[in-house]
PDB file of N, CA and C in Angstrom:
ATOM      1  N   MET A   1      76.282 109.704  97.602  1.00  0.00           N
ATOM      2  CA  MET A   1      77.692 109.526  97.879  1.00  0.00           C
ATOM      3  C   MET A   1      78.341 110.896  98.040  1.00  0.00           C
ATOM      4  N   ARG A   2      79.223 111.001  99.002  1.00  0.00           N
ATOM      5  CA  ARG A   2      79.935 112.253  99.223  1.00  0.00           C
ATOM      6  C   ARG A   2      81.353 112.110  98.720  1.00  0.00           C
ATOM      7  N   ASP A   3      81.715 112.947  97.790  1.00  0.00           N
ATOM      8  CA  ASP A   3      83.037 112.891  97.190  1.00  0.00           C
ATOM      9  C   ASP A   3      84.065 113.609  98.051  1.00  0.00           C
ATOM     10  N   LEU A   4      85.306 113.470  97.661  1.00  0.00           N
ATOM     11  CA  LEU A   4      86.386 114.174  98.330  1.00  0.00           C
ATOM     12  C   LEU A   4      86.282 115.670  98.052  1.00  0.00           C
ATOM     13  N   THR A   5      86.695 116.459  99.020  1.00  0.00           N
ATOM     14  CA  THR A   5      86.693 117.910  98.833  1.00  0.00           C
ATOM     15  C   THR A   5      87.936 118.325  98.054  1.00  0.00           C
ATOM     16  N   LYS A   6      87.935 119.567  97.614  1.00  0.00           N
ATOM     17  CA  LYS A   6      89.086 120.106  96.887  1.00  0.00           C
ATOM     18  C   LYS A   6      90.341 120.038  97.757  1.00  0.00           C
ATOM     19  N   GLU A   7      90.210 120.378  99.029  1.00  0.00           N
ATOM     20  CA  GLU A   7      91.348 120.358  99.942  1.00  0.00           C
ATOM     21  C   GLU A   7      91.889 118.939 100.133  1.00  0.00           C
ATOM     22  N   GLN A   8      91.002 117.968 100.222  1.00  0.00           N
ATOM     23  CA  GLN A   8      91.437 116.581 100.348  1.00  0.00           C
ATOM     24  C   GLN A   8      92.174 116.131  99.091  1.00  0.00           C
ATOM     25  N   LYS A   9      91.666 116.512  97.945  1.00  0.00           N
ATOM     26  CA  LYS A   9      92.308 116.138  96.682  1.00  0.00           C
ATOM     27  C   LYS A   9      93.695 116.763  96.565  1.00  0.00           C
ATOM     28  N   ILE A  10      93.867 117.983  97.062  1.00  0.00           N
ATOM     29  CA  ILE A  10      95.179 118.629  97.029  1.00  0.00           C
ATOM     30  C   ILE A  10      96.174 117.828  97.869  1.00  0.00           C
ATOM     31  N   LEU A  11      95.759 117.406  99.056  1.00  0.00           N
ATOM     32  CA  LEU A  11      96.639 116.589  99.897  1.00  0.00           C
ATOM     33  C   LEU A  11      96.999 115.282  99.202  1.00  0.00           C
ATOM     34  N   LEU A  12      96.016 114.646  98.596  1.00  0.00           N
ATOM     35  CA  LEU A  12      96.263 113.386  97.887  1.00  0.00           C
ATOM     36  C   LEU A  12      97.155 113.600  96.665  1.00  0.00           C
ATOM     37  N   ASP A  13      96.929 114.681  95.943  1.00  0.00           N
ATOM     38  CA  ASP A  13      97.764 114.986  94.772  1.00  0.00           C
ATOM     39  C   ASP A  13      99.223 115.195  95.186  1.00  0.00           C
ATOM     40  N   ASN A  14      99.434 115.918  96.275  1.00  0.00           N
ATOM     41  CA  ASN A  14     100.794 116.161  96.750  1.00  0.00           C
ATOM     42  C   ASN A  14     101.463 114.859  97.168  1.00  0.00           C
ATOM     43  N   TRP A  15     100.720 113.990  97.838  1.00  0.00           N
ATOM     44  CA  TRP A  15     101.265 112.687  98.225  1.00  0.00           C
ATOM     45  C   TRP A  15     101.577 111.866  96.976  1.00  0.00           C
ATOM     46  N   TYR A  16     100.671 111.868  96.027  1.00  0.00           N
ATOM     47  CA  TYR A  16     100.816 111.074  94.800  1.00  0.00           C
ATOM     48  C   TYR A  16     102.073 111.473  94.030  1.00  0.00           C
ATOM     49  N   LYS A  17     102.350 112.750  93.951  1.00  0.00           N
ATOM     50  CA  LYS A  17     103.512 113.256  93.210  1.00  0.00           C
ATOM     51  C   LYS A  17     104.831 112.754  93.789  1.00  0.00           C
ATOM     52  N   ARG A  18     104.848 112.452  95.071  1.00  0.00           N
ATOM     53  CA  ARG A  18     106.085 112.007  95.721  1.00  0.00           C
ATOM     54  C   ARG A  18     106.302 110.492  95.620  1.00  0.00           C
ATOM     55  N   GLN A  19     105.361 109.777  95.027  1.00  0.00           N
ATOM     56  CA  GLN A  19     105.455 108.320  94.970  1.00  0.00           C
ATOM     57  C   GLN A  19     106.151 107.855  93.695  1.00  0.00           C
ATOM     58  N   PRO A  20     106.936 106.773  93.793  1.00  0.00           N
ATOM     59  CA  PRO A  20     107.540 106.217  92.581  1.00  0.00           C
ATOM     60  C   PRO A  20     106.447 105.718  91.636  1.00  0.00           C
ATOM     61  N   GLU A  21     106.623 105.980  90.370  1.00  0.00           N
ATOM     62  CA  GLU A  21     105.612 105.627  89.375  1.00  0.00           C
ATOM     63  C   GLU A  21     105.245 104.145  89.422  1.00  0.00           C
ATOM     64  N   GLU A  22     106.241 103.284  89.551  1.00  0.00           N
ATOM     65  CA  GLU A  22     105.961 101.849  89.501  1.00  0.00           C
ATOM     66  C   GLU A  22     105.135 101.366  90.685  1.00  0.00           C
ATOM     67  N   LYS A  23     105.146 102.126  91.781  1.00  0.00           N
ATOM     68  CA  LYS A  23     104.365 101.717  92.949  1.00  0.00           C
ATOM     69  C   LYS A  23     102.874 101.971  92.743  1.00  0.00           C
ATOM     70  N   ILE A  24     102.554 103.049  92.092  1.00  0.00           N
ATOM     71  CA  ILE A  24     101.162 103.471  91.962  1.00  0.00           C
ATOM     72  C   ILE A  24     100.504 102.922  90.708  1.00  0.00           C
ATOM     73  N   LEU A  25     101.212 102.925  89.612  1.00  0.00           N
ATOM     74  CA  LEU A  25     100.594 102.517  88.350  1.00  0.00           C
ATOM     75  C   LEU A  25     100.225 101.044  88.399  1.00  0.00           C
ATOM     76  N   GLY A  26      98.992 100.787  88.060  1.00  0.00           N
ATOM     77  CA  GLY A  26      98.473  99.426  88.124  1.00  0.00           C
ATOM     78  C   GLY A  26      97.214  99.400  88.949  1.00  0.00           C
ATOM     79  N   LEU A  27      96.477  98.365  88.816  1.00  0.00           N
ATOM     80  CA  LEU A  27      95.166  98.285  89.468  1.00  0.00           C
ATOM     81  C   LEU A  27      95.227  97.741  90.876  1.00  0.00           C
ATOM     82  N   SER A  28      96.393  97.339  91.331  1.00  0.00           N
ATOM     83  CA  SER A  28      96.451  96.667  92.622  1.00  0.00           C
ATOM     84  C   SER A  28      96.755  97.591  93.802  1.00  0.00           C
ATOM     85  N   TRP A  29      96.884  98.907  93.561  1.00  0.00           N
ATOM     86  CA  TRP A  29      97.199  99.803  94.670  1.00  0.00           C
ATOM     87  C   TRP A  29      96.070  99.789  95.686  1.00  0.00           C
ATOM     88  N   SER A  30      96.454  99.723  96.947  1.00  0.00           N
ATOM     89  CA  SER A  30      95.473  99.716  98.029  1.00  0.00           C
ATOM     90  C   SER A  30      96.026 100.518  99.197  1.00  0.00           C
ATOM     91  N   LEU A  31      95.182 101.294  99.790  1.00  0.00           N
ATOM     92  CA  LEU A  31      95.562 102.104 100.939  1.00  0.00           C
ATOM     93  C   LEU A  31      96.111 101.229 102.061  1.00  0.00           C
ATOM     94  N   SER A  32      95.502 100.088 102.289  1.00  0.00           N
ATOM     95  CA  SER A  32      95.922  99.222 103.387  1.00  0.00           C
ATOM     96  C   SER A  32      97.281  98.571 103.136  1.00  0.00           C
ATOM     97  N   LYS A  33      97.708  98.502 101.878  1.00  0.00           N
ATOM     98  CA  LYS A  33      98.985  97.875 101.544  1.00  0.00           C
ATOM     99  C   LYS A  33     100.124  98.875 101.427  1.00  0.00           C
ATOM    100  N   ASP A  34      99.828 100.154 101.471  1.00  0.00           N
ATOM    101  CA  ASP A  34     100.832 101.178 101.208  1.00  0.00           C
ATOM    102  C   ASP A  34     101.406 101.732 102.508  1.00  0.00           C
ATOM    103  N   ASP A  35     102.640 101.361 102.807  1.00  0.00           N
ATOM    104  CA  ASP A  35     103.292 101.828 104.028  1.00  0.00           C
ATOM    105  C   ASP A  35     103.613 103.317 104.000  1.00  0.00           C
ATOM    106  N   ASP A  36     103.715 103.906 102.807  1.00  0.00           N
ATOM    107  CA  ASP A  36     104.031 105.323 102.694  1.00  0.00           C
ATOM    108  C   ASP A  36     102.825 106.229 102.913  1.00  0.00           C
ATOM    109  N   PHE A  37     101.643 105.664 102.891  1.00  0.00           N
ATOM    110  CA  PHE A  37     100.443 106.450 103.159  1.00  0.00           C
ATOM    111  C   PHE A  37     100.241 106.420 104.670  1.00  0.00           C
ATOM    112  N   THR A  38     100.696 107.464 105.321  1.00  0.00           N
ATOM    113  CA  THR A  38     100.756 107.471 106.785  1.00  0.00           C
ATOM    114  C   THR A  38      99.392 107.700 107.436  1.00  0.00           C
ATOM    115  N   LEU A  39      99.321 107.284 108.674  1.00  0.00           N
ATOM    116  CA  LEU A  39      98.125 107.524 109.466  1.00  0.00           C
ATOM    117  C   LEU A  39      97.908 109.014 109.659  1.00  0.00           C
ATOM    118  N   GLU A  40      99.010 109.762 109.757  1.00  0.00           N
ATOM    119  CA  GLU A  40      98.900 111.216 109.922  1.00  0.00           C
ATOM    120  C   GLU A  40      98.245 111.863 108.709  1.00  0.00           C
ATOM    121  N   LEU A  41      98.612 111.401 107.523  1.00  0.00           N
ATOM    122  CA  LEU A  41      97.991 111.931 106.312  1.00  0.00           C
ATOM    123  C   LEU A  41      96.514 111.570 106.276  1.00  0.00           C
ATOM    124  N   TYR A  42      96.198 110.336 106.590  1.00  0.00           N
ATOM    125  CA  TYR A  42      94.800 109.915 106.610  1.00  0.00           C
ATOM    126  C   TYR A  42      94.003 110.763 107.609  1.00  0.00           C
ATOM    127  N   ASP A  43      94.569 110.979 108.787  1.00  0.00           N
ATOM    128  CA  ASP A  43      93.885 111.788 109.797  1.00  0.00           C
ATOM    129  C   ASP A  43      93.646 113.214 109.315  1.00  0.00           C
ATOM    130  N   GLU A  44      94.637 113.773 108.641  1.00  0.00           N
ATOM    131  CA  GLU A  44      94.499 115.132 108.104  1.00  0.00           C
ATOM    132  C   GLU A  44      93.374 115.191 107.070  1.00  0.00           C
ATOM    133  N   ILE A  45      93.319 114.207 106.193  1.00  0.00           N
ATOM    134  CA  ILE A  45      92.257 114.138 105.186  1.00  0.00           C
ATOM    135  C   ILE A  45      90.906 113.935 105.855  1.00  0.00           C
ATOM    136  N   GLU A  46      90.882 113.094 106.855  1.00  0.00           N
ATOM    137  CA  GLU A  46      89.646 112.806 107.581  1.00  0.00           C
ATOM    138  C   GLU A  46      89.112 114.041 108.298  1.00  0.00           C
ATOM    139  N   LYS A  47      89.989 114.832 108.872  1.00  0.00           N
ATOM    140  CA  LYS A  47      89.573 116.046 109.586  1.00  0.00           C
ATOM    141  C   LYS A  47      88.906 117.057 108.655  1.00  0.00           C
ATOM    142  N   LEU A  48      89.310 117.059 107.399  1.00  0.00           N
ATOM    143  CA  LEU A  48      88.719 117.996 106.442  1.00  0.00           C
ATOM    144  C   LEU A  48      87.277 117.648 106.104  1.00  0.00           C
ATOM    145  N   ASN A  49      86.997 116.356 105.998  1.00  0.00           N
ATOM    146  CA  ASN A  49      85.638 115.936 105.644  1.00  0.00           C
ATOM    147  C   ASN A  49      85.524 114.426 105.822  1.00  0.00           C
ATOM    148  N   ASP A  50      85.110 114.014 106.998  1.00  0.00           N
ATOM    149  CA  ASP A  50      84.988 112.592 107.297  1.00  0.00           C
ATOM    150  C   ASP A  50      83.664 112.057 106.745  1.00  0.00           C
ATOM    151  N   THR A  51      83.739 110.962 106.029  1.00  0.00           N
ATOM    152  CA  THR A  51      82.537 110.307 105.515  1.00  0.00           C
ATOM    153  C   THR A  51      82.639 108.818 105.800  1.00  0.00           C
ATOM    154  N   GLU A  52      81.528 108.132 105.661  1.00  0.00           N
ATOM    155  CA  GLU A  52      81.495 106.689 105.891  1.00  0.00           C
ATOM    156  C   GLU A  52      82.364 105.935 104.897  1.00  0.00           C
ATOM    157  N   ILE A  53      82.542 106.499 103.721  1.00  0.00           N
ATOM    158  CA  ILE A  53      83.277 105.798 102.666  1.00  0.00           C
ATOM    159  C   ILE A  53      84.570 106.522 102.295  1.00  0.00           C
ATOM    160  N   LEU A  54      85.158 107.232 103.240  1.00  0.00           N
ATOM    161  CA  LEU A  54      86.378 107.986 102.969  1.00  0.00           C
ATOM    162  C   LEU A  54      87.489 107.075 102.460  1.00  0.00           C
ATOM    163  N   TYR A  55      87.682 105.970 103.113  1.00  0.00           N
ATOM    164  CA  TYR A  55      88.726 105.012 102.732  1.00  0.00           C
ATOM    165  C   TYR A  55      88.570 104.608 101.267  1.00  0.00           C
ATOM    166  N   GLN A  56      87.357 104.251 100.874  1.00  0.00           N
ATOM    167  CA  GLN A  56      87.091 103.841  99.490  1.00  0.00           C
ATOM    168  C   GLN A  56      87.266 105.004  98.522  1.00  0.00           C
ATOM    169  N   ASN A  57      86.871 106.201  98.929  1.00  0.00           N
ATOM    170  CA  ASN A  57      87.031 107.373  98.058  1.00  0.00           C
ATOM    171  C   ASN A  57      88.497 107.679  97.798  1.00  0.00           C
ATOM    172  N   ILE A  58      89.333 107.514  98.823  1.00  0.00           N
ATOM    173  CA  ILE A  58      90.770 107.742  98.648  1.00  0.00           C
ATOM    174  C   ILE A  58      91.335 106.726  97.667  1.00  0.00           C
ATOM    175  N   GLU A  59      91.008 105.455  97.868  1.00  0.00           N
ATOM    176  CA  GLU A  59      91.509 104.420  96.964  1.00  0.00           C
ATOM    177  C   GLU A  59      91.063 104.667  95.527  1.00  0.00           C
ATOM    178  N   ARG A  60      89.795 104.995  95.358  1.00  0.00           N
ATOM    179  CA  ARG A  60      89.270 105.238  94.005  1.00  0.00           C
ATOM    180  C   ARG A  60      89.965 106.434  93.360  1.00  0.00           C
ATOM    181  N   TYR A  61      90.189 107.489  94.124  1.00  0.00           N
ATOM    182  CA  TYR A  61      90.825 108.691  93.594  1.00  0.00           C
ATOM    183  C   TYR A  61      92.246 108.390  93.117  1.00  0.00           C
ATOM    184  N   ILE A  62      93.016 107.685  93.934  1.00  0.00           N
ATOM    185  CA  ILE A  62      94.400 107.358  93.561  1.00  0.00           C
ATOM    186  C   ILE A  62      94.424 106.405  92.370  1.00  0.00           C
ATOM    187  N   GLN A  63      93.560 105.411  92.363  1.00  0.00           N
ATOM    188  CA  GLN A  63      93.504 104.474  91.241  1.00  0.00           C
ATOM    189  C   GLN A  63      93.100 105.191  89.957  1.00  0.00           C
ATOM    190  N   ASP A  64      92.151 106.113  90.040  1.00  0.00           N
ATOM    191  CA  ASP A  64      91.738 106.879  88.856  1.00  0.00           C
ATOM    192  C   ASP A  64      92.886 107.747  88.323  1.00  0.00           C
ATOM    193  N   LYS A  65      93.655 108.375  89.237  1.00  0.00           N
ATOM    194  CA  LYS A  65      94.805 109.177  88.812  1.00  0.00           C
ATOM    195  C   LYS A  65      95.805 108.308  88.057  1.00  0.00           C
ATOM    196  N   ALA A  66      96.058 107.134  88.583  1.00  0.00           N
ATOM    197  CA  ALA A  66      97.013 106.223  87.943  1.00  0.00           C
ATOM    198  C   ALA A  66      96.510 105.800  86.571  1.00  0.00           C
ATOM    199  N   MET A  67      95.244 105.489  86.473  1.00  0.00           N
ATOM    200  CA  MET A  67      94.680 105.061  85.185  1.00  0.00           C
ATOM    201  C   MET A  67      94.757 106.193  84.169  1.00  0.00           C
ATOM    202  N   ASN A  68      94.535 107.420  84.589  1.00  0.00           N
ATOM    203  CA  ASN A  68      94.627 108.566  83.679  1.00  0.00           C
ATOM    204  C   ASN A  68      96.048 108.763  83.166  1.00  0.00           C
ATOM    205  N   GLU A  69      97.046 108.420  83.956  1.00  0.00           N
ATOM    206  CA  GLU A  69      98.424 108.532  83.507  1.00  0.00           C
ATOM    207  C   GLU A  69      98.775 107.447  82.490  1.00  0.00           C
ATOM    208  N   ILE A  70      98.137 106.298  82.601  1.00  0.00           N
ATOM    209  CA  ILE A  70      98.391 105.198  81.676  1.00  0.00           C
ATOM    210  C   ILE A  70      97.845 105.525  80.300  1.00  0.00           C
ATOM    211  N   LYS A  71      96.721 106.223  80.272  1.00  0.00           N
ATOM    212  CA  LYS A  71      96.044 106.524  78.988  1.00  0.00           C
ATOM    213  C   LYS A  71      96.857 107.403  78.101  1.00  0.00           C
TER     214      LYS A  71
END
C-alpha cells in the first residue's frame, strides 16, 4: 500500500482546519458526500502522488484525524 506523502498531508491538514468541527467529527464523513472538498483540491493532491487507492487514503486520513480529536 502506498500512503499519502507529506505534501499531500499538508494540503489535507490545511483543508481540515477550515472545516466546521461538527461536519468532520464522526465516522460518517465521506469524500463523495463533502461538497467543500473540491475537485481542484483532489486534483492537486493527485498530481503530487497518484495511486490506485488515493480516494480511500484521503478518506482514511481525514477519518483518523477526526477520531484523534475525539480521544
